[in-house]
Amino acid sequence: MAKLPNCPELELIDAFYDSAESARLYQLLHGQDWPDNRYVVAGRQFILPRLQTWHADPGIRYSYSNNLLETRPWTPLLLTIRARVEAYLHFSFNSVLVNLYRNGEDYVGWHCDNEAELGEHPFIVSLTLGANRPLQFRHKQTAELGQVLLPGGSLLVMQPGFQHDWLHRVPPAPNLFDGRINLTFRKVVPVTNGFYK
């Protein structure tokens, strides 16, 4: 596990899956049922520049994307990947957001994963399968910029301070024609009596 020198809250584990297994997992996940990426919010159509599915343990609620995504149960494949990630990091997750970037035209803009349901100090890990894509990050206070290339099979660990201090994005890559699947494992804080623990 290697910390990034200009952003110690990020740690990259290269070849968490080797190239052959990464390619196999990509193909299996690519073949899943992906929902349409067109939504209507407040009477206006919204097109998400990627495809997504959201999977979580029973009873887990999350307001990501204004609840545009239905919660799906874990698949056997996702449970297998989850178990390996949890065993490596000695940390348990109860949900995963699966993104399909169909080619370089798909992207995600500047954001931080700081929804209340993730608690005050969210620990999030990001598994990349398929094409290499860069993750760019920008400090909220200093505007310092950084970038890390995420190869297929790599696992990026976002320490709790990262979401507090930094924004991040996967920018468009117009000359890229290959796809990438990204799984971000999260731990949503259960709701008890209307309050998050």
Protein backbone atom coordinates (compact mmCIF):
# COMPACT_ATOMS: atom_id res chain seq x y z
CA MET A 1 0.00 0.00 0.00
CA ALA A 2 1.57 3.29 -1.10
CA LYS A 3 0.52 6.71 0.17
CA LEU A 4 0.46 9.48 -2.41
CA PRO A 5 3.11 12.08 -1.54
CA ASN A 6 0.91 15.10 -2.27
CA CYS A 7 -2.20 13.61 -0.66
CA PRO A 8 -1.47 11.33 2.31
CA GLU A 9 -5.20 10.63 2.74
CA LEU A 10 -5.03 8.49 -0.44
CA GLU A 11 -3.31 5.10 -0.61
CA LEU A 12 -3.01 3.04 -3.79
CA ILE A 13 -2.79 -0.74 -3.80
CA ASP A 14 -1.65 -1.68 -7.29
CA ALA A 15 -2.56 -5.13 -8.66
CA PHE A 16 -5.05 -5.90 -5.90
CA TYR A 17 -6.37 -8.17 -8.65
CA ASP A 18 -3.95 -9.31 -11.33
CA SER A 19 -4.64 -8.38 -14.95
CA ALA A 20 -6.33 -11.65 -15.88
CA GLU A 21 -8.68 -11.65 -12.87
CA SER A 22 -9.38 -7.95 -13.29
CA ALA A 23 -10.40 -8.53 -16.91
CA ARG A 24 -12.60 -11.48 -15.91
CA LEU A 25 -14.38 -9.50 -13.22
CA TYR A 26 -14.87 -6.59 -15.60
CA GLN A 27 -16.58 -8.83 -18.16
CA LEU A 28 -18.83 -10.43 -15.56
CA LEU A 29 -19.93 -7.09 -14.09
CA HIS A 30 -20.30 -5.52 -17.53
CA GLY A 31 -22.91 -8.15 -18.32
CA GLN A 32 -25.17 -7.23 -15.39
CA ASP A 33 -28.48 -5.45 -15.88
CA TRP A 34 -27.74 -1.71 -15.95
CA PRO A 35 -30.64 0.74 -15.48
CA ASP A 36 -31.24 3.53 -17.94
CA ASN A 37 -29.21 6.67 -17.21
CA ARG A 38 -32.06 9.09 -17.93
CA TYR A 39 -34.01 10.40 -14.96
CA VAL A 40 -36.65 13.03 -14.37
CA VAL A 41 -36.08 15.34 -11.40
CA ALA A 42 -38.54 18.15 -10.64
CA GLY A 43 -39.99 17.83 -14.13
CA ARG A 44 -36.64 18.08 -15.89
CA GLN A 45 -34.80 15.23 -17.60
CA PHE A 46 -31.36 14.47 -16.27
CA ILE A 47 -28.83 12.27 -18.09
CA LEU A 48 -26.12 10.71 -15.94
CA PRO A 49 -22.79 10.55 -17.88
CA ARG A 50 -22.22 6.92 -16.82
CA LEU A 51 -24.28 3.89 -15.73
CA GLN A 52 -24.73 2.95 -12.07
CA THR A 53 -26.15 0.38 -9.71
CA TRP A 54 -26.37 0.63 -5.93
CA HIS A 55 -26.22 -2.46 -3.71
CA ALA A 56 -26.60 -2.57 0.07
CA ASP A 57 -27.43 -4.73 3.06
CA PRO A 58 -31.13 -4.92 4.01
CA GLY A 59 -32.38 -1.79 5.76
CA ILE A 60 -29.58 0.46 4.51
CA ARG A 61 -30.80 3.81 3.17
CA TYR A 62 -28.73 6.37 1.30
CA SER A 63 -29.68 9.64 -0.37
CA TYR A 64 -27.03 9.55 -3.10
CA SER A 65 -28.18 11.23 -6.33
CA ASN A 66 -31.46 12.28 -4.74
CA ASN A 67 -32.53 8.64 -4.49
CA LEU A 68 -32.45 8.18 -8.25
CA LEU A 69 -31.05 4.70 -7.82
CA GLU A 70 -33.04 1.80 -6.45
CA THR A 71 -31.27 -0.30 -3.84
CA ARG A 72 -30.41 -3.74 -5.17
CA PRO A 73 -29.35 -6.77 -3.14
CA TRP A 74 -25.78 -7.98 -3.27
CA THR A 75 -25.02 -10.42 -6.07
CA PRO A 76 -22.83 -13.47 -5.37
CA LEU A 77 -20.04 -11.86 -7.41
CA LEU A 78 -20.19 -8.58 -5.49
CA LEU A 79 -20.23 -10.46 -2.19
CA THR A 80 -17.07 -12.31 -3.25
CA ILE A 81 -15.30 -9.05 -4.12
CA ARG A 82 -16.55 -7.42 -0.93
CA ALA A 83 -15.19 -10.28 1.19
CA ARG A 84 -11.74 -9.97 -0.35
CA VAL A 85 -11.64 -6.19 0.14
CA GLU A 86 -12.83 -6.50 3.75
CA ALA A 87 -10.32 -9.24 4.56
CA TYR A 88 -7.46 -7.17 3.17
CA LEU A 89 -8.43 -3.96 4.96
CA HIS A 90 -9.89 -5.50 8.16
CA PHE A 91 -12.93 -3.26 7.76
CA SER A 92 -16.56 -4.10 7.02
CA PHE A 93 -18.70 -2.36 4.38
CA ASN A 94 -22.48 -2.53 3.94
CA SER A 95 -22.91 -0.99 0.50
CA VAL A 96 -21.27 -0.48 -2.87
CA LEU A 97 -21.85 1.91 -5.76
CA VAL A 98 -20.97 0.32 -9.10
CA ASN A 99 -20.18 2.73 -11.95
CA LEU A 100 -19.75 1.79 -15.60
CA TYR A 101 -17.79 4.31 -17.64
CA ARG A 102 -18.61 3.00 -21.11
CA ASN A 103 -15.77 4.93 -22.76
CA GLY A 104 -13.82 8.14 -22.27
CA GLU A 105 -16.92 10.28 -22.77
CA ASP A 106 -18.35 9.03 -19.48
CA TYR A 107 -17.13 10.84 -16.38
CA VAL A 108 -17.97 12.08 -12.90
CA GLY A 109 -17.57 15.75 -11.97
CA TRP A 110 -16.00 17.37 -8.93
CA HIS A 111 -17.58 16.12 -5.70
CA CYS A 112 -16.89 14.68 -2.27
CA ASP A 113 -18.66 11.73 -0.69
CA ASN A 114 -19.76 13.48 2.49
CA GLU A 115 -23.45 12.66 2.77
CA ALA A 116 -24.72 12.51 6.34
CA GLU A 117 -25.47 8.81 6.02
CA LEU A 118 -21.74 8.09 5.70
CA GLY A 119 -20.99 9.54 9.13
CA GLU A 120 -18.53 12.26 10.06
CA HIS A 121 -15.43 10.36 8.94
CA PRO A 122 -16.29 8.17 5.91
CA PHE A 123 -13.81 5.44 4.99
CA ILE A 124 -14.29 4.60 1.29
CA VAL A 125 -12.35 2.32 -1.01
CA SER A 126 -12.48 2.32 -4.79
CA LEU A 127 -11.77 -0.72 -6.97
CA THR A 128 -10.98 -0.14 -10.66
CA LEU A 129 -11.58 -2.80 -13.31
CA GLY A 130 -10.99 -2.35 -17.02
CA ALA A 131 -9.40 0.72 -18.58
CA ASN A 132 -6.92 2.90 -16.72
CA ARG A 133 -8.45 6.25 -15.77
CA PRO A 134 -7.00 9.14 -13.78
CA LEU A 135 -8.58 10.38 -10.57
CA GLN A 136 -8.01 14.10 -10.06
CA PHE A 137 -8.29 15.73 -6.65
CA ARG A 138 -8.41 19.36 -5.53
CA HIS A 139 -7.98 20.70 -2.01
CA LYS A 140 -11.04 22.58 -0.78
CA GLN A 141 -9.06 25.33 0.95
CA THR A 142 -5.83 25.75 -1.01
CA ALA A 143 -7.06 24.63 -4.46
CA GLU A 144 -3.96 22.43 -4.71
CA LEU A 145 -4.40 19.93 -7.56
CA GLY A 146 -3.24 16.35 -7.81
CA GLN A 147 -3.83 13.26 -9.92
CA VAL A 148 -3.35 9.52 -9.62
CA LEU A 149 -3.69 6.97 -12.40
CA LEU A 150 -5.96 4.08 -11.42
CA PRO A 151 -4.96 0.93 -13.33
CA GLY A 152 -7.30 -2.00 -13.80
CA GLY A 153 -7.16 -4.22 -10.72
CA SER A 154 -6.04 -1.43 -8.37
CA LEU A 155 -7.65 -0.51 -5.07
CA LEU A 156 -7.65 3.12 -3.92
CA VAL A 157 -8.12 3.71 -0.20
CA MET A 158 -9.67 7.05 0.73
CA GLN A 159 -8.90 7.70 4.37
CA PRO A 160 -11.58 9.52 6.43
CA GLY A 161 -9.91 12.93 6.07
CA PHE A 162 -9.98 12.82 2.29
CA GLN A 163 -13.70 13.58 1.88
CA HIS A 164 -13.40 16.43 4.39
CA ASP A 165 -10.42 18.14 2.75
CA TRP A 166 -10.58 17.27 -0.94
CA LEU A 167 -12.87 17.17 -3.97
CA HIS A 168 -12.28 14.54 -6.62
CA ARG A 169 -13.39 13.64 -10.13
CA VAL A 170 -12.83 11.28 -13.06
CA PRO A 171 -12.54 13.68 -16.02
CA PRO A 172 -13.58 12.91 -19.60
CA ALA A 173 -10.96 11.21 -21.78
CA PRO A 174 -12.11 11.85 -25.37
CA ASN A 175 -9.62 9.48 -27.03
CA LEU A 176 -10.39 6.50 -24.80
CA PHE A 177 -12.67 3.87 -26.27
CA ASP A 178 -12.38 1.16 -23.62
CA GLY A 179 -14.68 0.87 -20.63
CA ARG A 180 -13.99 1.01 -16.92
CA ILE A 181 -16.00 -0.31 -13.98
CA ASN A 182 -15.47 1.25 -10.58
CA LEU A 183 -16.79 -0.11 -7.29
CA THR A 184 -16.80 2.24 -4.30
CA PHE A 185 -17.38 0.37 -1.06
CA ARG A 186 -18.95 2.41 1.74
CA LYS A 187 -20.31 1.97 5.23
CA VAL A 188 -23.66 3.71 5.57
CA VAL A 189 -24.56 4.54 9.15
CA PRO A 190 -27.87 2.85 10.08
CA VAL A 191 -30.80 5.07 11.06
CA THR A 192 -32.31 4.62 14.52
CA ASN A 193 -35.45 6.55 15.48
CA GLY A 194 -34.82 9.08 12.73
CA PHE A 195 -31.24 9.78 13.76
CA TYR A 196 -27.96 8.52 12.33
CA LYS A 197 -25.69 6.79 14.81
